[in-house]
Amino acid sequence: MAKRYDICTPRKGKDDKTFWTRIGTAWEGDKGIQLVFDALPLPDIEGRCVANLFEPKPRDGQQQAKPGAATDWPDALDDSVPF
């Protein structure tokens, strides 16, 4: 299984804090790293475009899926619908 990363670009906020905006996804495989951009980074004041790879964080209180975890259909369904 290929390892997945979030592609993020830095943005300066108030009080010189740096905020990271997700702009795509990267997968590390046997032949290298594939980058898929949903947006492109804008140049900073010095004209450089910066993008970093980060391990994905869980979203909305959900736990991050672990490799080999049971997430396939229909075993992943856990609802209480009576029919």
PDB file of N, CA and C in Angstrom:
ATOM      1  N   MET A   1       0.845  -1.173   0.000  1.00  0.00           N
ATOM      2  CA  MET A   1       0.000   0.000   0.000  1.00  0.00           C
ATOM      3  C   MET A   1       0.892   1.237   0.000  1.00  0.00           C
ATOM      4  N   ALA A   2       0.550   2.213  -0.842  1.00  0.00           N
ATOM      5  CA  ALA A   2       1.321   3.450  -0.939  1.00  0.00           C
ATOM      6  C   ALA A   2       1.023   4.346   0.260  1.00  0.00           C
ATOM      7  N   LYS A   3       2.048   5.032   0.714  1.00  0.00           N
ATOM      8  CA  LYS A   3       1.875   5.965   1.822  1.00  0.00           C
ATOM      9  C   LYS A   3       1.337   7.282   1.274  1.00  0.00           C
ATOM     10  N   ARG A   4       0.369   7.880   1.977  1.00  0.00           N
ATOM     11  CA  ARG A   4      -0.298   9.095   1.522  1.00  0.00           C
ATOM     12  C   ARG A   4       0.147  10.288   2.350  1.00  0.00           C
ATOM     13  N   TYR A   5       0.244  11.442   1.692  1.00  0.00           N
ATOM     14  CA  TYR A   5       0.597  12.698   2.343  1.00  0.00           C
ATOM     15  C   TYR A   5      -0.349  13.798   1.871  1.00  0.00           C
ATOM     16  N   ASP A   6      -0.509  14.832   2.691  1.00  0.00           N
ATOM     17  CA  ASP A   6      -1.198  16.051   2.280  1.00  0.00           C
ATOM     18  C   ASP A   6      -0.152  17.027   1.769  1.00  0.00           C
ATOM     19  N   ILE A   7      -0.440  17.675   0.645  1.00  0.00           N
ATOM     20  CA  ILE A   7       0.424  18.739   0.138  1.00  0.00           C
ATOM     21  C   ILE A   7      -0.149  20.046   0.676  1.00  0.00           C
ATOM     22  N   CYS A   8       0.677  20.812   1.384  1.00  0.00           N
ATOM     23  CA  CYS A   8       0.216  22.059   2.000  1.00  0.00           C
ATOM     24  C   CYS A   8       1.140  23.206   1.635  1.00  0.00           C
ATOM     25  N   THR A   9       0.571  24.403   1.587  1.00  0.00           N
ATOM     26  CA  THR A   9       1.346  25.602   1.309  1.00  0.00           C
ATOM     27  C   THR A   9       1.189  26.574   2.476  1.00  0.00           C
ATOM     28  N   PRO A  10       2.259  27.277   2.859  1.00  0.00           N
ATOM     29  CA  PRO A  10       2.177  28.183   4.005  1.00  0.00           C
ATOM     30  C   PRO A  10       1.568  29.527   3.626  1.00  0.00           C
ATOM     31  N   ARG A  11       0.844  30.100   4.580  1.00  0.00           N
ATOM     32  CA  ARG A  11       0.279  31.444   4.448  1.00  0.00           C
ATOM     33  C   ARG A  11       0.526  32.180   5.740  1.00  0.00           C
ATOM     34  N   LYS A  12       0.944  33.432   5.633  1.00  0.00           N
ATOM     35  CA  LYS A  12       1.150  34.261   6.820  1.00  0.00           C
ATOM     36  C   LYS A  12      -0.185  34.802   7.293  1.00  0.00           C
ATOM     37  N   GLY A  13      -0.407  34.690   8.596  1.00  0.00           N
ATOM     38  CA  GLY A  13      -1.623  35.212   9.195  1.00  0.00           C
ATOM     39  C   GLY A  13      -1.297  36.385  10.100  1.00  0.00           C
ATOM     40  N   LYS A  14      -2.246  36.718  10.938  1.00  0.00           N
ATOM     41  CA  LYS A  14      -2.031  37.798  11.894  1.00  0.00           C
ATOM     42  C   LYS A  14      -0.939  37.404  12.876  1.00  0.00           C
ATOM     43  N   ASP A  15      -0.251  38.384  13.417  1.00  0.00           N
ATOM     44  CA  ASP A  15       0.828  38.171  14.393  1.00  0.00           C
ATOM     45  C   ASP A  15       1.945  37.292  13.832  1.00  0.00           C
ATOM     46  N   ASP A  16       2.148  37.323  12.514  1.00  0.00           N
ATOM     47  CA  ASP A  16       3.197  36.547  11.839  1.00  0.00           C
ATOM     48  C   ASP A  16       3.107  35.047  12.079  1.00  0.00           C
ATOM     49  N   LYS A  17       1.915  34.543  12.359  1.00  0.00           N
ATOM     50  CA  LYS A  17       1.723  33.097  12.475  1.00  0.00           C
ATOM     51  C   LYS A  17       1.633  32.502  11.068  1.00  0.00           C
ATOM     52  N   THR A  18       2.094  31.262  10.941  1.00  0.00           N
ATOM     53  CA  THR A  18       2.020  30.570   9.658  1.00  0.00           C
ATOM     54  C   THR A  18       0.860  29.583   9.695  1.00  0.00           C
ATOM     55  N   PHE A  19      -0.005  29.655   8.697  1.00  0.00           N
ATOM     56  CA  PHE A  19      -1.121  28.734   8.546  1.00  0.00           C
ATOM     57  C   PHE A  19      -0.867  27.892   7.310  1.00  0.00           C
ATOM     58  N   TRP A  20      -1.165  26.600   7.401  1.00  0.00           N
ATOM     59  CA  TRP A  20      -0.946  25.681   6.291  1.00  0.00           C
ATOM     60  C   TRP A  20      -2.271  25.363   5.624  1.00  0.00           C
ATOM     61  N   THR A  21      -2.334  25.559   4.312  1.00  0.00           N
ATOM     62  CA  THR A  21      -3.529  25.290   3.518  1.00  0.00           C
ATOM     63  C   THR A  21      -3.274  24.058   2.659  1.00  0.00           C
ATOM     64  N   ARG A  22      -4.180  23.087   2.746  1.00  0.00           N
ATOM     65  CA  ARG A  22      -4.033  21.856   1.961  1.00  0.00           C
ATOM     66  C   ARG A  22      -4.378  22.159   0.507  1.00  0.00           C
ATOM     67  N   ILE A  23      -3.469  21.804  -0.410  1.00  0.00           N
ATOM     68  CA  ILE A  23      -3.685  22.081  -1.828  1.00  0.00           C
ATOM     69  C   ILE A  23      -3.606  20.821  -2.689  1.00  0.00           C
ATOM     70  N   GLY A  24      -3.457  19.664  -2.062  1.00  0.00           N
ATOM     71  CA  GLY A  24      -3.398  18.444  -2.856  1.00  0.00           C
ATOM     72  C   GLY A  24      -3.013  17.238  -2.016  1.00  0.00           C
ATOM     73  N   THR A  25      -2.723  16.130  -2.722  1.00  0.00           N
ATOM     74  CA  THR A  25      -2.386  14.859  -2.087  1.00  0.00           C
ATOM     75  C   THR A  25      -1.192  14.254  -2.820  1.00  0.00           C
ATOM     76  N   ALA A  26      -0.344  13.563  -2.062  1.00  0.00           N
ATOM     77  CA  ALA A  26       0.810  12.877  -2.646  1.00  0.00           C
ATOM     78  C   ALA A  26       0.807  11.430  -2.179  1.00  0.00           C
ATOM     79  N   TRP A  27       1.266  10.537  -3.053  1.00  0.00           N
ATOM     80  CA  TRP A  27       1.392   9.123  -2.721  1.00  0.00           C
ATOM     81  C   TRP A  27       2.815   8.687  -2.983  1.00  0.00           C
ATOM     82  N   GLU A  28       3.425   8.009  -2.002  1.00  0.00           N
ATOM     83  CA  GLU A  28       4.772   7.478  -2.146  1.00  0.00           C
ATOM     84  C   GLU A  28       4.665   6.016  -2.526  1.00  0.00           C
ATOM     85  N   GLY A  29       5.227   5.667  -3.653  1.00  0.00           N
ATOM     86  CA  GLY A  29       5.169   4.294  -4.130  1.00  0.00           C
ATOM     87  C   GLY A  29       6.546   3.769  -4.462  1.00  0.00           C
ATOM     88  N   ASP A  30       6.587   2.624  -5.125  1.00  0.00           N
ATOM     89  CA  ASP A  30       7.845   1.978  -5.482  1.00  0.00           C
ATOM     90  C   ASP A  30       8.662   2.792  -6.487  1.00  0.00           C
ATOM     91  N   LYS A  31       7.985   3.554  -7.335  1.00  0.00           N
ATOM     92  CA  LYS A  31       8.671   4.290  -8.403  1.00  0.00           C
ATOM     93  C   LYS A  31       8.880   5.762  -8.087  1.00  0.00           C
ATOM     94  N   GLY A  32       8.535   6.195  -6.882  1.00  0.00           N
ATOM     95  CA  GLY A  32       8.715   7.596  -6.513  1.00  0.00           C
ATOM     96  C   GLY A  32       7.483   8.159  -5.832  1.00  0.00           C
ATOM     97  N   ILE A  33       7.344   9.470  -5.882  1.00  0.00           N
ATOM     98  CA  ILE A  33       6.219  10.157  -5.248  1.00  0.00           C
ATOM     99  C   ILE A  33       5.371  10.811  -6.335  1.00  0.00           C
ATOM    100  N   GLN A  34       4.060  10.528  -6.311  1.00  0.00           N
ATOM    101  CA  GLN A  34       3.131  11.137  -7.246  1.00  0.00           C
ATOM    102  C   GLN A  34       2.412  12.275  -6.539  1.00  0.00           C
ATOM    103  N   LEU A  35       2.403  13.456  -7.153  1.00  0.00           N
ATOM    104  CA  LEU A  35       1.739  14.627  -6.599  1.00  0.00           C
ATOM    105  C   LEU A  35       0.491  14.934  -7.413  1.00  0.00           C
ATOM    106  N   VAL A  36      -0.637  15.138  -6.722  1.00  0.00           N
ATOM    107  CA  VAL A  36      -1.884  15.522  -7.373  1.00  0.00           C
ATOM    108  C   VAL A  36      -2.353  16.818  -6.711  1.00  0.00           C
ATOM    109  N   PHE A  37      -2.324  17.910  -7.470  1.00  0.00           N
ATOM    110  CA  PHE A  37      -2.686  19.221  -6.939  1.00  0.00           C
ATOM    111  C   PHE A  37      -4.150  19.532  -7.220  1.00  0.00           C
ATOM    112  N   ASP A  38      -4.866  19.998  -6.189  1.00  0.00           N
ATOM    113  CA  ASP A  38      -6.224  20.522  -6.343  1.00  0.00           C
ATOM    114  C   ASP A  38      -6.170  22.029  -6.575  1.00  0.00           C
ATOM    115  N   ALA A  39      -5.086  22.655  -6.150  1.00  0.00           N
ATOM    116  CA  ALA A  39      -4.830  24.077  -6.339  1.00  0.00           C
ATOM    117  C   ALA A  39      -3.316  24.242  -6.437  1.00  0.00           C
ATOM    118  N   LEU A  40      -2.877  25.391  -6.894  1.00  0.00           N
ATOM    119  CA  LEU A  40      -1.446  25.638  -7.007  1.00  0.00           C
ATOM    120  C   LEU A  40      -1.016  26.669  -5.975  1.00  0.00           C
ATOM    121  N   PRO A  41       0.206  26.519  -5.441  1.00  0.00           N
ATOM    122  CA  PRO A  41       0.680  27.505  -4.472  1.00  0.00           C
ATOM    123  C   PRO A  41       0.968  28.836  -5.162  1.00  0.00           C
ATOM    124  N   LEU A  42       0.720  29.921  -4.439  1.00  0.00           N
ATOM    125  CA  LEU A  42       1.034  31.247  -4.948  1.00  0.00           C
ATOM    126  C   LEU A  42       2.439  31.632  -4.522  1.00  0.00           C
ATOM    127  N   PRO A  43       3.124  32.434  -5.330  1.00  0.00           N
ATOM    128  CA  PRO A  43       4.463  32.857  -4.944  1.00  0.00           C
ATOM    129  C   PRO A  43       4.429  33.744  -3.695  1.00  0.00           C
ATOM    130  N   ASP A  44       5.478  33.614  -2.863  1.00  0.00           N
ATOM    131  CA  ASP A  44       5.583  34.493  -1.705  1.00  0.00           C
ATOM    132  C   ASP A  44       6.207  35.826  -2.139  1.00  0.00           C
ATOM    133  N   ILE A  45       6.529  36.665  -1.180  1.00  0.00           N
ATOM    134  CA  ILE A  45       7.048  37.991  -1.485  1.00  0.00           C
ATOM    135  C   ILE A  45       8.388  37.930  -2.223  1.00  0.00           C
ATOM    136  N   GLU A  46       9.107  36.820  -2.065  1.00  0.00           N
ATOM    137  CA  GLU A  46      10.396  36.649  -2.745  1.00  0.00           C
ATOM    138  C   GLU A  46      10.260  35.910  -4.079  1.00  0.00           C
ATOM    139  N   GLY A  47       9.031  35.577  -4.479  1.00  0.00           N
ATOM    140  CA  GLY A  47       8.793  34.915  -5.752  1.00  0.00           C
ATOM    141  C   GLY A  47       8.882  33.407  -5.713  1.00  0.00           C
ATOM    142  N   ARG A  48       9.021  32.805  -4.520  1.00  0.00           N
ATOM    143  CA  ARG A  48       9.139  31.348  -4.402  1.00  0.00           C
ATOM    144  C   ARG A  48       7.764  30.727  -4.161  1.00  0.00           C
ATOM    145  N   CYS A  49       7.524  29.574  -4.782  1.00  0.00           N
ATOM    146  CA  CYS A  49       6.330  28.772  -4.507  1.00  0.00           C
ATOM    147  C   CYS A  49       6.763  27.631  -3.590  1.00  0.00           C
ATOM    148  N   VAL A  50       6.119  27.525  -2.425  1.00  0.00           N
ATOM    149  CA  VAL A  50       6.504  26.534  -1.423  1.00  0.00           C
ATOM    150  C   VAL A  50       5.344  25.570  -1.198  1.00  0.00           C
ATOM    151  N   ALA A  51       5.663  24.281  -1.166  1.00  0.00           N
ATOM    152  CA  ALA A  51       4.685  23.244  -0.827  1.00  0.00           C
ATOM    153  C   ALA A  51       5.399  22.187  -0.006  1.00  0.00           C
ATOM    154  N   ASN A  52       4.809  21.799   1.121  1.00  0.00           N
ATOM    155  CA  ASN A  52       5.376  20.776   2.002  1.00  0.00           C
ATOM    156  C   ASN A  52       4.464  19.556   2.028  1.00  0.00           C
ATOM    157  N   LEU A  53       5.056  18.394   2.316  1.00  0.00           N
ATOM    158  CA  LEU A  53       4.285  17.169   2.478  1.00  0.00           C
ATOM    159  C   LEU A  53       4.162  16.872   3.968  1.00  0.00           C
ATOM    160  N   PHE A  54       2.921  16.617   4.409  1.00  0.00           N
ATOM    161  CA  PHE A  54       2.649  16.275   5.794  1.00  0.00           C
ATOM    162  C   PHE A  54       1.830  14.999   5.836  1.00  0.00           C
ATOM    163  N   GLU A  55       2.033  14.198   6.896  1.00  0.00           N
ATOM    164  CA  GLU A  55       1.158  13.051   7.085  1.00  0.00           C
ATOM    165  C   GLU A  55      -0.246  13.573   7.357  1.00  0.00           C
ATOM    166  N   PRO A  56      -1.269  12.952   6.778  1.00  0.00           N
ATOM    167  CA  PRO A  56      -2.629  13.457   6.948  1.00  0.00           C
ATOM    168  C   PRO A  56      -3.081  13.414   8.401  1.00  0.00           C
ATOM    169  N   LYS A  57      -3.821  14.439   8.801  1.00  0.00           N
ATOM    170  CA  LYS A  57      -4.392  14.494  10.146  1.00  0.00           C
ATOM    171  C   LYS A  57      -5.829  14.007  10.094  1.00  0.00           C
ATOM    172  N   PRO A  58      -6.325  13.421  11.179  1.00  0.00           N
ATOM    173  CA  PRO A  58      -7.739  13.032  11.218  1.00  0.00           C
ATOM    174  C   PRO A  58      -8.618  14.271  11.089  1.00  0.00           C
ATOM    175  N   ARG A  59      -9.752  14.123  10.442  1.00  0.00           N
ATOM    176  CA  ARG A  59     -10.672  15.244  10.239  1.00  0.00           C
ATOM    177  C   ARG A  59     -11.974  15.011  10.973  1.00  0.00           C
ATOM    178  N   ASP A  60     -12.558  16.073  11.485  1.00  0.00           N
ATOM    179  CA  ASP A  60     -13.884  16.054  12.125  1.00  0.00           C
ATOM    180  C   ASP A  60     -13.991  15.018  13.233  1.00  0.00           C
ATOM    181  N   GLY A  61     -12.964  14.866  14.029  1.00  0.00           N
ATOM    182  CA  GLY A  61     -13.021  13.949  15.161  1.00  0.00           C
ATOM    183  C   GLY A  61     -12.923  12.489  14.792  1.00  0.00           C
ATOM    184  N   GLN A  62     -12.665  12.181  13.526  1.00  0.00           N
ATOM    185  CA  GLN A  62     -12.546  10.790  13.114  1.00  0.00           C
ATOM    186  C   GLN A  62     -11.111  10.332  13.296  1.00  0.00           C
ATOM    187  N   GLN A  63     -10.930   9.065  13.585  1.00  0.00           N
ATOM    188  CA  GLN A  63      -9.597   8.514  13.713  1.00  0.00           C
ATOM    189  C   GLN A  63      -9.038   8.247  12.328  1.00  0.00           C
ATOM    190  N   GLN A  64      -7.716   8.385  12.216  1.00  0.00           N
ATOM    191  CA  GLN A  64      -7.059   8.121  10.960  1.00  0.00           C
ATOM    192  C   GLN A  64      -7.045   6.623  10.708  1.00  0.00           C
ATOM    193  N   ALA A  65      -7.361   6.212   9.477  1.00  0.00           N
ATOM    194  CA  ALA A  65      -7.362   4.794   9.135  1.00  0.00           C
ATOM    195  C   ALA A  65      -5.947   4.239   9.178  1.00  0.00           C
ATOM    196  N   LYS A  66      -5.801   3.097   9.799  1.00  0.00           N
ATOM    197  CA  LYS A  66      -4.501   2.451   9.880  1.00  0.00           C
ATOM    198  C   LYS A  66      -4.362   1.471   8.728  1.00  0.00           C
ATOM    199  N   PRO A  67      -3.145   1.295   8.206  1.00  0.00           N
ATOM    200  CA  PRO A  67      -2.970   0.324   7.132  1.00  0.00           C
ATOM    201  C   PRO A  67      -3.447  -1.061   7.566  1.00  0.00           C
ATOM    202  N   GLY A  68      -4.234  -1.702   6.713  1.00  0.00           N
ATOM    203  CA  GLY A  68      -4.741  -3.030   7.013  1.00  0.00           C
ATOM    204  C   GLY A  68      -6.007  -3.022   7.846  1.00  0.00           C
ATOM    205  N   ALA A  69      -6.532  -1.839   8.177  1.00  0.00           N
ATOM    206  CA  ALA A  69      -7.759  -1.765   8.974  1.00  0.00           C
ATOM    207  C   ALA A  69      -8.942  -2.203   8.129  1.00  0.00           C
ATOM    208  N   ALA A  70      -9.959  -2.716   8.788  1.00  0.00           N
ATOM    209  CA  ALA A  70     -11.157  -3.190   8.078  1.00  0.00           C
ATOM    210  C   ALA A  70     -11.994  -1.987   7.663  1.00  0.00           C
ATOM    211  N   THR A  71     -11.769  -1.517   6.433  1.00  0.00           N
ATOM    212  CA  THR A  71     -12.529  -0.377   5.919  1.00  0.00           C
ATOM    213  C   THR A  71     -13.218  -0.719   4.603  1.00  0.00           C
ATOM    214  N   ASP A  72     -13.269  -1.997   4.263  1.00  0.00           N
ATOM    215  CA  ASP A  72     -13.876  -2.393   3.001  1.00  0.00           C
ATOM    216  C   ASP A  72     -15.376  -2.574   3.147  1.00  0.00           C
ATOM    217  N   TRP A  73     -16.101  -2.402   2.084  1.00  0.00           N
ATOM    218  CA  TRP A  73     -17.540  -2.609   2.020  1.00  0.00           C
ATOM    219  C   TRP A  73     -17.816  -4.078   2.188  1.00  0.00           C
ATOM    220  N   PRO A  74     -18.834  -4.568   2.827  1.00  0.00           N
ATOM    221  CA  PRO A  74     -19.773  -3.859   3.670  1.00  0.00           C
ATOM    222  C   PRO A  74     -19.381  -3.878   5.143  1.00  0.00           C
ATOM    223  N   ASP A  75     -18.205  -4.424   5.461  1.00  0.00           N
ATOM    224  CA  ASP A  75     -17.803  -4.547   6.849  1.00  0.00           C
ATOM    225  C   ASP A  75     -17.648  -3.198   7.536  1.00  0.00           C
ATOM    226  N   ALA A  76     -17.400  -2.137   6.784  1.00  0.00           N
ATOM    227  CA  ALA A  76     -17.167  -0.822   7.376  1.00  0.00           C
ATOM    228  C   ALA A  76     -18.475  -0.173   7.850  1.00  0.00           C
ATOM    229  N   LEU A  77     -19.613  -0.692   7.404  1.00  0.00           N
ATOM    230  CA  LEU A  77     -20.894  -0.100   7.795  1.00  0.00           C
ATOM    231  C   LEU A  77     -21.224  -0.477   9.238  1.00  0.00           C
ATOM    232  N   ASP A  78     -21.529   0.519  10.016  1.00  0.00           N
ATOM    233  CA  ASP A  78     -21.907   0.285  11.406  1.00  0.00           C
ATOM    234  C   ASP A  78     -23.044   1.235  11.732  1.00  0.00           C
ATOM    235  N   ASP A  79     -24.219   0.923  11.212  1.00  0.00           N
ATOM    236  CA  ASP A  79     -25.361   1.799  11.473  1.00  0.00           C
ATOM    237  C   ASP A  79     -26.481   0.992  12.114  1.00  0.00           C
ATOM    238  N   SER A  80     -27.473   1.693  12.610  1.00  0.00           N
ATOM    239  CA  SER A  80     -28.546   1.018  13.317  1.00  0.00           C
ATOM    240  C   SER A  80     -29.858   1.078  12.561  1.00  0.00           C
ATOM    241  N   VAL A  81     -29.786   1.091  11.227  1.00  0.00           N
ATOM    242  CA  VAL A  81     -30.991   1.085  10.416  1.00  0.00           C
ATOM    243  C   VAL A  81     -31.642  -0.283  10.521  1.00  0.00           C
ATOM    244  N   PRO A  82     -32.958  -0.360  10.867  1.00  0.00           N
ATOM    245  CA  PRO A  82     -33.590  -1.651  11.139  1.00  0.00           C
ATOM    246  C   PRO A  82     -33.933  -2.490   9.900  1.00  0.00           C
ATOM    247  N   PHE A  83     -33.608  -2.040   8.710  1.00  0.00           N
ATOM    248  CA  PHE A  83     -33.943  -2.826   7.513  1.00  0.00           C
ATOM    249  C   PHE A  83     -32.746  -2.997   6.633  1.00  0.00           C
TER     250      PHE A  83
END
